[in-house]
Amino acid sequence: MGRITFQKRQKEMKRQEKQRAKAERRAQKKLTKNTEGGAPIEAMEPMEPLEPMETVETEPIPTDTEP
């Protein structure tokens, strides 16, 4: 019976360590995300101007309701 208790304790300790490591990774990721902040506007490459789309003539969609 002592063996089962030891296995349970080991399993619980492993679970707690895994949970602690996960929380640490989350905190590190959060710090990294906050410090990066993305590229500054000046560093971004300028976009080429978009060409206007051609207009397409469409017919109104008939409705099934009668007035």
C-alpha atoms as a PDB file:
ATOM      1  CA  MET A   1       0.000   0.000   0.000  1.00  0.00           C
ATOM      2  CA  GLY A   2       2.911   2.350   0.622  1.00  0.00           C
ATOM      3  CA  ARG A   3       3.990   1.991  -2.995  1.00  0.00           C
ATOM      4  CA  ILE A   4       0.685   3.357  -4.323  1.00  0.00           C
ATOM      5  CA  THR A   5       0.863   6.357  -1.987  1.00  0.00           C
ATOM      6  CA  PHE A   6       4.407   7.083  -3.182  1.00  0.00           C
ATOM      7  CA  GLN A   7       3.312   6.871  -6.837  1.00  0.00           C
ATOM      8  CA  LYS A   8       0.411   9.224  -6.199  1.00  0.00           C
ATOM      9  CA  ARG A   9       2.722  11.692  -4.475  1.00  0.00           C
ATOM     10  CA  GLN A  10       5.211  11.546  -7.343  1.00  0.00           C
ATOM     11  CA  LYS A  11       2.399  12.048  -9.872  1.00  0.00           C
ATOM     12  CA  GLU A  12       1.038  15.036  -7.947  1.00  0.00           C
ATOM     13  CA  MET A  13       4.494  16.600  -7.638  1.00  0.00           C
ATOM     14  CA  LYS A  14       5.060  16.162 -11.386  1.00  0.00           C
ATOM     15  CA  ARG A  15       1.677  17.767 -12.115  1.00  0.00           C
ATOM     16  CA  GLN A  16       2.475  20.744  -9.883  1.00  0.00           C
ATOM     17  CA  GLU A  17       5.902  21.199 -11.503  1.00  0.00           C
ATOM     18  CA  LYS A  18       4.336  21.109 -14.965  1.00  0.00           C
ATOM     19  CA  GLN A  19       1.731  23.670 -13.882  1.00  0.00           C
ATOM     20  CA  ARG A  20       4.448  25.919 -12.428  1.00  0.00           C
ATOM     21  CA  ALA A  21       6.493  25.700 -15.650  1.00  0.00           C
ATOM     22  CA  LYS A  22       3.426  26.533 -17.726  1.00  0.00           C
ATOM     23  CA  ALA A  23       2.660  29.599 -15.597  1.00  0.00           C
ATOM     24  CA  GLU A  24       6.281  30.701 -15.943  1.00  0.00           C
ATOM     25  CA  ARG A  25       6.125  30.357 -19.740  1.00  0.00           C
ATOM     26  CA  ARG A  26       2.900  32.365 -19.824  1.00  0.00           C
ATOM     27  CA  ALA A  27       4.436  35.141 -17.736  1.00  0.00           C
ATOM     28  CA  GLN A  28       7.548  35.214 -19.938  1.00  0.00           C
ATOM     29  CA  LYS A  29       5.419  35.349 -23.091  1.00  0.00           C
ATOM     30  CA  LYS A  30       3.341  38.179 -21.621  1.00  0.00           C
ATOM     31  CA  LEU A  31       6.489  40.180 -20.789  1.00  0.00           C
ATOM     32  CA  THR A  32       7.910  39.607 -24.279  1.00  0.00           C
ATOM     33  CA  LYS A  33       4.649  40.636 -25.901  1.00  0.00           C
ATOM     34  CA  ASN A  34       4.454  43.851 -23.856  1.00  0.00           C
ATOM     35  CA  THR A  35       8.048  44.895 -24.570  1.00  0.00           C
ATOM     36  CA  GLU A  36       7.940  44.287 -28.334  1.00  0.00           C
ATOM     37  CA  GLY A  37       4.929  46.448 -29.117  1.00  0.00           C
ATOM     38  CA  GLY A  38       5.260  45.878 -32.859  1.00  0.00           C
ATOM     39  CA  ALA A  39       7.245  47.748 -35.475  1.00  0.00           C
ATOM     40  CA  PRO A  40       7.345  51.554 -35.281  1.00  0.00           C
ATOM     41  CA  ILE A  41       5.415  53.366 -37.977  1.00  0.00           C
ATOM     42  CA  GLU A  42       8.586  54.845 -39.492  1.00  0.00           C
ATOM     43  CA  ALA A  43      10.080  51.386 -39.979  1.00  0.00           C
ATOM     44  CA  MET A  44       7.152  50.079 -41.997  1.00  0.00           C
ATOM     45  CA  GLU A  45       7.523  49.936 -45.758  1.00  0.00           C
ATOM     46  CA  PRO A  46       5.212  52.254 -47.701  1.00  0.00           C
ATOM     47  CA  MET A  47       2.399  50.558 -49.562  1.00  0.00           C
ATOM     48  CA  GLU A  48       1.766  51.011 -53.245  1.00  0.00           C
ATOM     49  CA  PRO A  49      -1.417  52.936 -53.993  1.00  0.00           C
ATOM     50  CA  LEU A  50      -4.395  50.782 -54.838  1.00  0.00           C
ATOM     51  CA  GLU A  51      -5.964  50.982 -58.252  1.00  0.00           C
ATOM     52  CA  PRO A  52      -9.688  51.770 -58.313  1.00  0.00           C
ATOM     53  CA  MET A  53     -11.967  48.838 -59.016  1.00  0.00           C
ATOM     54  CA  GLU A  54     -14.100  48.957 -62.110  1.00  0.00           C
ATOM     55  CA  THR A  55     -17.772  49.457 -61.433  1.00  0.00           C
ATOM     56  CA  VAL A  56     -20.189  46.762 -62.426  1.00  0.00           C
ATOM     57  CA  GLU A  57     -23.769  47.559 -63.313  1.00  0.00           C
ATOM     58  CA  THR A  58     -26.180  45.330 -61.438  1.00  0.00           C
ATOM     59  CA  GLU A  59     -29.929  44.883 -61.559  1.00  0.00           C
ATOM     60  CA  PRO A  60     -31.920  45.212 -58.346  1.00  0.00           C
ATOM     61  CA  ILE A  61     -32.876  41.939 -56.733  1.00  0.00           C
ATOM     62  CA  PRO A  62     -36.658  41.381 -56.964  1.00  0.00           C
ATOM     63  CA  THR A  63     -38.405  40.791 -53.676  1.00  0.00           C
ATOM     64  CA  ASP A  64     -41.099  38.173 -53.186  1.00  0.00           C
ATOM     65  CA  THR A  65     -43.253  40.352 -50.951  1.00  0.00           C
ATOM     66  CA  GLU A  66     -46.195  42.182 -52.486  1.00  0.00           C
ATOM     67  CA  PRO A  67     -47.189  45.645 -51.183  1.00  0.00           C
END
